[in-house]
N, C-alpha and C. Protein backbone atom coordinates (compact mmCIF):
# COMPACT_ATOMS: atom_id res chain seq x y z
N MET A 1 63.98 1.22 75.79
CA MET A 1 64.84 0.41 76.61
C MET A 1 64.32 0.48 78.05
N LYS A 2 64.09 -0.68 78.65
CA LYS A 2 63.69 -0.76 80.04
C LYS A 2 64.90 -1.09 80.88
N ALA A 3 65.08 -0.38 81.99
CA ALA A 3 66.23 -0.63 82.86
C ALA A 3 65.74 -1.20 84.17
N PHE A 4 66.50 -2.16 84.69
CA PHE A 4 66.20 -2.76 85.98
C PHE A 4 67.55 -3.02 86.67
N GLY A 5 67.63 -2.64 87.94
CA GLY A 5 68.91 -2.72 88.65
C GLY A 5 68.99 -3.79 89.73
N PHE A 6 70.19 -4.04 90.10
CA PHE A 6 70.52 -4.99 91.18
C PHE A 6 71.50 -4.29 92.10
N ALA A 7 71.12 -4.21 93.37
CA ALA A 7 71.96 -3.54 94.36
C ALA A 7 72.21 -4.49 95.52
N GLY A 8 73.35 -4.32 96.12
CA GLY A 8 73.69 -5.16 97.28
C GLY A 8 75.20 -5.01 97.53
N TYR A 9 75.58 -5.46 98.67
CA TYR A 9 76.98 -5.38 99.02
C TYR A 9 77.77 -6.48 98.35
N SER A 10 79.07 -6.26 98.27
CA SER A 10 79.95 -7.28 97.68
C SER A 10 79.77 -8.62 98.35
N GLY A 11 79.70 -9.65 97.55
CA GLY A 11 79.55 -10.99 98.08
C GLY A 11 78.10 -11.44 98.25
N ALA A 12 77.15 -10.58 97.92
CA ALA A 12 75.74 -10.96 98.08
C ALA A 12 75.27 -11.88 96.97
N GLY A 13 75.93 -11.84 95.81
CA GLY A 13 75.53 -12.73 94.75
C GLY A 13 74.91 -12.04 93.52
N LYS A 14 75.09 -10.75 93.40
CA LYS A 14 74.49 -9.98 92.29
C LYS A 14 74.94 -10.53 90.93
N THR A 15 76.20 -10.66 90.73
CA THR A 15 76.75 -11.07 89.44
C THR A 15 76.29 -12.50 89.12
N THR A 16 76.32 -13.37 90.09
CA THR A 16 75.90 -14.74 89.87
C THR A 16 74.42 -14.80 89.52
N LEU A 17 73.60 -14.03 90.20
CA LEU A 17 72.20 -13.98 89.90
C LEU A 17 71.93 -13.46 88.48
N ILE A 18 72.58 -12.37 88.12
CA ILE A 18 72.42 -11.80 86.78
C ILE A 18 72.83 -12.82 85.72
N GLU A 19 73.89 -13.54 85.97
CA GLU A 19 74.37 -14.57 85.05
C GLU A 19 73.31 -15.66 84.84
N GLN A 20 72.53 -15.98 85.87
CA GLN A 20 71.48 -16.96 85.80
C GLN A 20 70.23 -16.40 85.09
N LEU A 21 69.98 -15.10 85.23
CA LEU A 21 68.78 -14.51 84.65
C LEU A 21 68.87 -14.17 83.16
N ILE A 22 70.05 -13.74 82.73
CA ILE A 22 70.21 -13.34 81.34
C ILE A 22 69.72 -14.40 80.36
N PRO A 23 70.13 -15.70 80.46
CA PRO A 23 69.64 -16.68 79.51
C PRO A 23 68.10 -16.82 79.51
N ARG A 24 67.46 -16.59 80.65
CA ARG A 24 65.99 -16.67 80.70
C ARG A 24 65.37 -15.54 79.90
N PHE A 25 65.96 -14.36 79.99
CA PHE A 25 65.42 -13.21 79.23
C PHE A 25 65.66 -13.42 77.72
N VAL A 26 66.87 -13.87 77.40
CA VAL A 26 67.23 -14.10 76.00
C VAL A 26 66.33 -15.16 75.38
N ALA A 27 66.03 -16.21 76.15
CA ALA A 27 65.18 -17.28 75.67
C ALA A 27 63.78 -16.78 75.34
N ARG A 28 63.37 -15.66 75.92
CA ARG A 28 62.07 -15.05 75.62
C ARG A 28 62.14 -14.11 74.42
N GLY A 29 63.31 -14.08 73.81
CA GLY A 29 63.49 -13.24 72.62
C GLY A 29 63.88 -11.80 72.92
N LEU A 30 64.26 -11.52 74.16
CA LEU A 30 64.63 -10.14 74.50
C LEU A 30 66.10 -9.90 74.20
N ARG A 31 66.39 -8.70 73.74
CA ARG A 31 67.78 -8.27 73.56
C ARG A 31 68.21 -7.63 74.88
N VAL A 32 69.21 -8.22 75.53
CA VAL A 32 69.62 -7.79 76.87
C VAL A 32 71.01 -7.19 76.84
N SER A 33 71.19 -6.11 77.53
CA SER A 33 72.50 -5.50 77.74
C SER A 33 72.71 -5.31 79.23
N LEU A 34 73.94 -5.01 79.58
CA LEU A 34 74.27 -4.87 81.00
C LEU A 34 75.25 -3.73 81.19
N ILE A 35 75.05 -2.98 82.27
CA ILE A 35 76.00 -1.99 82.69
C ILE A 35 76.36 -2.28 84.14
N LYS A 36 77.64 -2.34 84.42
CA LYS A 36 78.10 -2.64 85.79
C LYS A 36 78.98 -1.49 86.24
N HIS A 37 78.64 -0.95 87.38
CA HIS A 37 79.46 0.10 87.96
C HIS A 37 80.38 -0.52 88.98
N THR A 38 81.66 -0.12 88.97
CA THR A 38 82.57 -0.62 89.96
C THR A 38 83.30 0.57 90.58
N HIS A 39 83.61 0.41 91.84
CA HIS A 39 84.36 1.46 92.53
C HIS A 39 85.84 1.17 92.45
N HIS A 40 86.20 0.08 91.80
CA HIS A 40 87.61 -0.33 91.72
C HIS A 40 88.18 0.06 90.37
N ASP A 41 89.48 0.33 90.37
CA ASP A 41 90.17 0.58 89.11
C ASP A 41 90.19 -0.71 88.34
N PHE A 42 89.99 -0.65 87.04
CA PHE A 42 90.01 -1.84 86.24
C PHE A 42 90.60 -1.56 84.88
N ASP A 43 90.99 -2.56 84.17
CA ASP A 43 91.51 -2.43 82.84
C ASP A 43 91.15 -3.69 82.07
N VAL A 44 90.64 -3.52 80.86
CA VAL A 44 90.34 -4.70 80.03
C VAL A 44 91.43 -4.94 79.01
N ASP A 45 92.45 -4.08 79.05
CA ASP A 45 93.57 -4.16 78.13
C ASP A 45 94.77 -4.78 78.84
N ARG A 46 95.78 -5.17 78.07
CA ARG A 46 96.97 -5.76 78.66
C ARG A 46 98.21 -4.95 78.28
N ALA A 47 99.07 -4.77 79.23
CA ALA A 47 100.33 -4.03 78.96
C ALA A 47 101.07 -4.68 77.79
N GLY A 48 101.61 -3.84 76.93
CA GLY A 48 102.36 -4.32 75.81
C GLY A 48 101.57 -4.46 74.51
N LYS A 49 100.24 -4.63 74.62
CA LYS A 49 99.41 -4.74 73.42
C LYS A 49 99.32 -3.37 72.75
N ASP A 50 99.08 -3.39 71.41
CA ASP A 50 99.05 -2.13 70.69
C ASP A 50 98.05 -1.14 71.27
N SER A 51 96.83 -1.62 71.60
CA SER A 51 95.81 -0.72 72.15
C SER A 51 96.23 -0.13 73.46
N PHE A 52 96.88 -0.91 74.31
CA PHE A 52 97.39 -0.41 75.58
C PHE A 52 98.41 0.68 75.33
N ARG A 53 99.33 0.43 74.38
CA ARG A 53 100.37 1.39 74.09
C ARG A 53 99.76 2.69 73.55
N HIS A 54 98.69 2.58 72.74
CA HIS A 54 98.03 3.78 72.20
C HIS A 54 97.37 4.60 73.32
N ARG A 55 96.74 3.92 74.25
CA ARG A 55 96.13 4.62 75.38
C ARG A 55 97.21 5.29 76.24
N GLU A 56 98.26 4.54 76.51
CA GLU A 56 99.37 5.09 77.32
C GLU A 56 100.02 6.29 76.62
N ALA A 57 100.00 6.32 75.30
CA ALA A 57 100.57 7.44 74.56
C ALA A 57 99.68 8.69 74.63
N GLY A 58 98.40 8.51 75.09
CA GLY A 58 97.53 9.67 75.25
C GLY A 58 96.23 9.64 74.50
N ALA A 59 95.95 8.59 73.75
CA ALA A 59 94.66 8.52 73.03
C ALA A 59 93.52 8.51 74.04
N THR A 60 92.48 9.27 73.77
CA THR A 60 91.31 9.29 74.65
C THR A 60 90.42 8.09 74.41
N GLU A 61 90.26 7.66 73.16
CA GLU A 61 89.46 6.49 72.85
C GLU A 61 90.25 5.56 71.94
N VAL A 62 90.11 4.28 72.21
CA VAL A 62 90.70 3.23 71.38
C VAL A 62 89.64 2.19 71.14
N MET A 63 89.36 1.87 69.87
CA MET A 63 88.37 0.85 69.54
C MET A 63 89.10 -0.35 68.98
N LEU A 64 88.74 -1.53 69.49
CA LEU A 64 89.27 -2.78 68.96
C LEU A 64 88.12 -3.49 68.26
N VAL A 65 88.38 -3.98 67.06
CA VAL A 65 87.33 -4.60 66.25
C VAL A 65 87.87 -5.89 65.66
N CYS A 66 87.03 -6.93 65.70
CA CYS A 66 87.32 -8.17 64.98
C CYS A 66 86.00 -8.68 64.44
N ASP A 67 86.03 -9.85 63.83
CA ASP A 67 84.83 -10.35 63.22
C ASP A 67 83.80 -10.92 64.21
N ARG A 68 84.14 -10.94 65.50
CA ARG A 68 83.24 -11.47 66.52
C ARG A 68 82.76 -10.41 67.52
N ARG A 69 83.50 -9.34 67.69
CA ARG A 69 83.12 -8.32 68.71
C ARG A 69 83.89 -7.05 68.47
N TRP A 70 83.44 -6.02 69.16
CA TRP A 70 84.21 -4.79 69.21
C TRP A 70 84.09 -4.21 70.60
N VAL A 71 85.06 -3.43 70.97
CA VAL A 71 85.06 -2.78 72.28
C VAL A 71 85.65 -1.37 72.11
N LEU A 72 85.05 -0.44 72.80
CA LEU A 72 85.55 0.94 72.80
C LEU A 72 86.01 1.28 74.20
N MET A 73 87.25 1.62 74.34
CA MET A 73 87.80 2.01 75.63
C MET A 73 87.95 3.53 75.62
N HIS A 74 87.49 4.16 76.65
CA HIS A 74 87.54 5.62 76.76
C HIS A 74 88.27 5.97 78.05
N GLU A 75 89.30 6.75 77.91
CA GLU A 75 90.06 7.24 79.07
C GLU A 75 89.49 8.58 79.51
N LEU A 76 89.17 8.70 80.76
CA LEU A 76 88.62 9.98 81.25
C LEU A 76 89.64 11.06 81.36
N ARG A 77 90.88 10.70 81.55
CA ARG A 77 91.97 11.67 81.61
C ARG A 77 91.65 12.84 82.53
N GLY A 78 91.21 12.51 83.73
CA GLY A 78 90.94 13.53 84.74
C GLY A 78 89.54 14.12 84.71
N ARG A 79 88.76 13.82 83.67
CA ARG A 79 87.39 14.31 83.61
C ARG A 79 86.49 13.47 84.53
N ALA A 80 85.36 14.00 84.86
CA ALA A 80 84.43 13.32 85.77
C ALA A 80 83.83 12.08 85.08
N GLU A 81 83.46 11.09 85.88
CA GLU A 81 82.78 9.93 85.36
C GLU A 81 81.48 10.39 84.69
N PRO A 82 81.17 9.84 83.53
CA PRO A 82 79.92 10.26 82.88
C PRO A 82 78.70 9.90 83.72
N SER A 83 77.64 10.71 83.62
CA SER A 83 76.41 10.44 84.36
C SER A 83 75.79 9.14 83.86
N PHE A 84 74.89 8.58 84.62
CA PHE A 84 74.18 7.38 84.21
C PHE A 84 73.46 7.61 82.89
N GLU A 85 72.83 8.75 82.73
CA GLU A 85 72.12 9.08 81.49
C GLU A 85 73.05 9.15 80.30
N GLU A 86 74.24 9.71 80.49
CA GLU A 86 75.24 9.77 79.43
C GLU A 86 75.69 8.36 79.05
N GLN A 87 75.84 7.52 80.03
CA GLN A 87 76.25 6.13 79.77
C GLN A 87 75.14 5.38 78.99
N LEU A 88 73.89 5.59 79.37
CA LEU A 88 72.79 4.96 78.67
C LEU A 88 72.78 5.34 77.18
N ALA A 89 73.12 6.59 76.92
CA ALA A 89 73.11 7.06 75.52
C ALA A 89 74.18 6.35 74.68
N SER A 90 75.15 5.74 75.32
CA SER A 90 76.19 5.02 74.59
C SER A 90 75.78 3.63 74.15
N PHE A 91 74.68 3.11 74.69
CA PHE A 91 74.26 1.75 74.39
C PHE A 91 73.49 1.66 73.09
N SER A 92 73.67 0.53 72.43
CA SER A 92 72.85 0.19 71.27
C SER A 92 71.44 -0.10 71.79
N PRO A 93 70.41 0.01 70.96
CA PRO A 93 69.06 -0.30 71.37
C PRO A 93 68.97 -1.74 71.92
N CYS A 94 68.19 -1.92 72.95
CA CYS A 94 67.93 -3.22 73.53
C CYS A 94 66.57 -3.19 74.21
N ASP A 95 66.07 -4.36 74.54
CA ASP A 95 64.80 -4.44 75.25
C ASP A 95 64.97 -4.22 76.75
N LEU A 96 66.02 -4.82 77.32
CA LEU A 96 66.20 -4.80 78.76
C LEU A 96 67.66 -4.49 79.08
N LEU A 97 67.86 -3.45 79.82
CA LEU A 97 69.20 -3.09 80.30
C LEU A 97 69.25 -3.45 81.78
N LEU A 98 70.10 -4.41 82.10
CA LEU A 98 70.31 -4.80 83.50
C LEU A 98 71.47 -3.93 84.08
N VAL A 99 71.27 -3.46 85.26
CA VAL A 99 72.21 -2.50 85.85
C VAL A 99 72.69 -3.06 87.18
N GLU A 100 73.98 -3.34 87.26
CA GLU A 100 74.57 -3.83 88.51
C GLU A 100 75.31 -2.68 89.16
N GLY A 101 74.97 -2.42 90.42
CA GLY A 101 75.56 -1.30 91.14
C GLY A 101 74.64 -0.09 91.03
N TYR A 102 75.21 1.07 90.99
CA TYR A 102 74.38 2.32 90.90
C TYR A 102 73.26 2.31 91.95
N LYS A 103 73.65 2.07 93.19
CA LYS A 103 72.64 2.00 94.25
C LYS A 103 71.73 3.22 94.32
N ASP A 104 72.30 4.41 94.06
CA ASP A 104 71.53 5.64 94.24
C ASP A 104 70.83 6.12 92.98
N THR A 105 71.03 5.42 91.86
CA THR A 105 70.36 5.84 90.61
C THR A 105 68.88 5.50 90.70
N PRO A 106 68.00 6.42 90.36
CA PRO A 106 66.56 6.21 90.52
C PRO A 106 65.93 5.33 89.43
N ILE A 107 66.31 4.05 89.43
CA ILE A 107 65.64 3.06 88.59
C ILE A 107 65.18 1.94 89.51
N PRO A 108 64.12 1.21 89.12
CA PRO A 108 63.69 0.11 89.99
C PRO A 108 64.80 -0.90 90.13
N LYS A 109 65.01 -1.39 91.36
CA LYS A 109 66.07 -2.35 91.56
C LYS A 109 65.71 -3.40 92.60
N LEU A 110 66.37 -4.51 92.48
CA LEU A 110 66.23 -5.62 93.41
C LEU A 110 67.40 -5.58 94.35
N GLU A 111 67.13 -5.59 95.64
CA GLU A 111 68.24 -5.72 96.60
C GLU A 111 68.56 -7.19 96.74
N VAL A 112 69.80 -7.52 96.51
CA VAL A 112 70.30 -8.90 96.71
C VAL A 112 71.05 -8.88 98.04
N HIS A 113 70.61 -9.73 98.98
CA HIS A 113 71.10 -9.64 100.34
C HIS A 113 71.34 -11.02 100.92
N ARG A 114 72.40 -11.14 101.69
CA ARG A 114 72.68 -12.36 102.45
C ARG A 114 73.02 -11.94 103.89
N LEU A 115 72.27 -12.47 104.84
CA LEU A 115 72.51 -12.14 106.23
C LEU A 115 73.90 -12.52 106.68
N ALA A 116 74.45 -13.58 106.08
CA ALA A 116 75.79 -14.08 106.46
C ALA A 116 76.87 -13.02 106.19
N ASN A 117 76.62 -12.08 105.32
CA ASN A 117 77.61 -11.04 105.02
C ASN A 117 77.71 -10.02 106.15
N GLY A 118 76.71 -9.96 107.01
CA GLY A 118 76.75 -9.02 108.14
C GLY A 118 76.57 -7.57 107.76
N GLN A 119 76.04 -7.30 106.59
CA GLN A 119 75.80 -5.92 106.17
C GLN A 119 74.35 -5.51 106.41
N PRO A 120 74.09 -4.24 106.54
CA PRO A 120 72.73 -3.77 106.72
C PRO A 120 71.94 -3.87 105.39
N PHE A 121 70.63 -3.84 105.51
CA PHE A 121 69.79 -3.80 104.33
C PHE A 121 69.91 -2.42 103.68
N ILE A 122 69.74 -2.37 102.36
CA ILE A 122 69.79 -1.11 101.62
C ILE A 122 68.41 -0.48 101.54
N TRP A 123 67.34 -1.30 101.48
CA TRP A 123 65.99 -0.80 101.22
C TRP A 123 65.51 0.31 102.17
N PRO A 124 65.88 0.32 103.45
CA PRO A 124 65.30 1.38 104.29
C PRO A 124 65.67 2.79 103.84
N GLY A 125 66.86 2.95 103.25
CA GLY A 125 67.28 4.26 102.82
C GLY A 125 67.27 4.46 101.31
N ASN A 126 66.68 3.53 100.58
CA ASN A 126 66.71 3.62 99.13
C ASN A 126 65.31 3.36 98.53
N PRO A 127 64.63 4.41 98.14
CA PRO A 127 63.26 4.26 97.62
C PRO A 127 63.21 3.55 96.25
N SER A 128 64.34 3.36 95.59
CA SER A 128 64.33 2.66 94.30
C SER A 128 64.28 1.16 94.43
N VAL A 129 64.54 0.64 95.62
CA VAL A 129 64.48 -0.80 95.82
C VAL A 129 63.02 -1.21 95.86
N VAL A 130 62.64 -2.16 94.95
CA VAL A 130 61.24 -2.56 94.83
C VAL A 130 60.98 -3.94 95.41
N ALA A 131 62.07 -4.70 95.70
CA ALA A 131 61.94 -6.02 96.30
C ALA A 131 63.31 -6.43 96.85
N VAL A 132 63.26 -7.44 97.70
CA VAL A 132 64.48 -7.96 98.31
C VAL A 132 64.57 -9.44 98.00
N ALA A 133 65.74 -9.87 97.50
CA ALA A 133 65.99 -11.30 97.24
C ALA A 133 67.00 -11.80 98.27
N LEU A 134 66.59 -12.86 98.95
CA LEU A 134 67.40 -13.47 99.99
C LEU A 134 67.39 -14.97 99.83
N PRO A 135 68.42 -15.67 100.37
CA PRO A 135 68.33 -17.13 100.41
C PRO A 135 67.10 -17.53 101.23
N ALA A 136 66.51 -18.66 100.91
CA ALA A 136 65.26 -19.11 101.54
C ALA A 136 65.33 -19.11 103.07
N ALA A 137 66.47 -19.41 103.63
CA ALA A 137 66.63 -19.54 105.09
C ALA A 137 66.80 -18.17 105.78
N ASP A 138 67.09 -17.11 105.03
CA ASP A 138 67.31 -15.81 105.64
C ASP A 138 65.98 -15.06 105.81
N PRO A 139 65.65 -14.64 107.03
CA PRO A 139 64.40 -13.88 107.23
C PRO A 139 64.54 -12.42 106.80
N LEU A 140 63.42 -11.86 106.42
CA LEU A 140 63.34 -10.45 106.09
C LEU A 140 62.69 -9.76 107.30
N PRO A 141 63.22 -8.60 107.72
CA PRO A 141 62.60 -7.95 108.87
C PRO A 141 61.10 -7.69 108.65
N ALA A 142 60.34 -7.91 109.71
CA ALA A 142 58.89 -7.74 109.64
C ALA A 142 58.48 -6.34 109.19
N ALA A 143 59.32 -5.35 109.45
CA ALA A 143 59.00 -3.97 109.10
C ALA A 143 59.18 -3.68 107.60
N CYS A 144 59.75 -4.62 106.86
CA CYS A 144 59.98 -4.38 105.44
C CYS A 144 58.68 -4.44 104.65
N PRO A 145 58.32 -3.39 103.96
CA PRO A 145 57.06 -3.40 103.20
C PRO A 145 57.19 -3.99 101.78
N LEU A 146 58.38 -4.40 101.45
CA LEU A 146 58.64 -4.87 100.06
C LEU A 146 58.47 -6.38 99.91
N PRO A 147 58.21 -6.83 98.68
CA PRO A 147 58.12 -8.26 98.44
C PRO A 147 59.48 -8.93 98.74
N ARG A 148 59.36 -10.13 99.28
CA ARG A 148 60.53 -10.96 99.56
C ARG A 148 60.56 -12.05 98.51
N LEU A 149 61.73 -12.17 97.80
CA LEU A 149 61.86 -13.16 96.77
C LEU A 149 63.00 -14.12 97.13
N ASP A 150 62.84 -15.38 96.75
CA ASP A 150 63.85 -16.38 97.01
C ASP A 150 65.00 -16.20 96.02
N LEU A 151 66.18 -15.96 96.55
CA LEU A 151 67.36 -15.71 95.72
C LEU A 151 67.69 -16.85 94.79
N ASP A 152 67.27 -18.06 95.14
CA ASP A 152 67.57 -19.22 94.34
C ASP A 152 66.46 -19.64 93.39
N ASP A 153 65.34 -18.91 93.40
CA ASP A 153 64.23 -19.22 92.48
C ASP A 153 64.36 -18.29 91.27
N HIS A 154 65.25 -18.67 90.35
CA HIS A 154 65.55 -17.81 89.22
C HIS A 154 64.35 -17.58 88.30
N GLY A 155 63.49 -18.58 88.19
CA GLY A 155 62.28 -18.44 87.37
C GLY A 155 61.36 -17.36 87.93
N ALA A 156 61.15 -17.39 89.24
CA ALA A 156 60.27 -16.40 89.88
C ALA A 156 60.92 -15.02 89.82
N LEU A 157 62.25 -14.93 89.99
CA LEU A 157 62.91 -13.65 89.94
C LEU A 157 62.83 -13.05 88.53
N ALA A 158 63.04 -13.89 87.51
CA ALA A 158 62.93 -13.41 86.11
C ALA A 158 61.51 -12.92 85.82
N ALA A 159 60.52 -13.68 86.28
CA ALA A 159 59.12 -13.29 86.08
C ALA A 159 58.79 -11.97 86.78
N TYR A 160 59.33 -11.78 87.97
CA TYR A 160 59.12 -10.55 88.72
C TYR A 160 59.72 -9.36 87.96
N ILE A 161 60.92 -9.50 87.48
CA ILE A 161 61.60 -8.41 86.74
C ILE A 161 60.85 -8.09 85.47
N LEU A 162 60.40 -9.12 84.75
CA LEU A 162 59.67 -8.86 83.52
C LEU A 162 58.35 -8.14 83.83
N GLN A 163 57.72 -8.52 84.90
CA GLN A 163 56.45 -7.85 85.31
C GLN A 163 56.73 -6.39 85.70
N GLN A 164 57.81 -6.15 86.43
CA GLN A 164 58.15 -4.79 86.86
C GLN A 164 58.50 -3.87 85.70
N THR A 165 59.09 -4.43 84.65
CA THR A 165 59.51 -3.64 83.51
C THR A 165 58.45 -3.56 82.42
N GLY A 166 57.38 -4.30 82.59
CA GLY A 166 56.32 -4.31 81.58
C GLY A 166 56.67 -5.19 80.37
N LEU A 167 57.67 -6.04 80.52
CA LEU A 167 58.09 -6.91 79.42
C LEU A 167 57.53 -8.31 79.58
N GLY A 168 56.80 -8.56 80.65
CA GLY A 168 56.32 -9.92 80.93
C GLY A 168 55.00 -10.28 80.40
């Protein structure tokens, strides 16, 4: 499994970019999975549903299965968030694992950046960033030693990622 990450501040366009890239990878016959880290509390379940009630009653894991998909929900119940490596071990085999977030995890990653957001670049303090994707009109500082990619050129971005992962 090859892993490639996307890092950037909220509103930079990471999710939208990944959504555009996945079909390109799948069209090449690759099996693609995704892991997204969020700092926000979230729930994929709904209050009142059986699975929600089972979790609320204290179950650590609840699996929902139907003829189209399955999902496993795991409650940490005060335990630490699993490490990135532990999370990887939970995935089924795939060719390419796309990783959104995990800025500090040492995997190659693309910084997705928009000057309009007013946030600093991540690359100066993060050696895992291998390139920066910006809108065509946004300049990259002259001191940046990394490749600059056009955020809207999805074909070039997909080709770059495939080359970086050895899948191209």
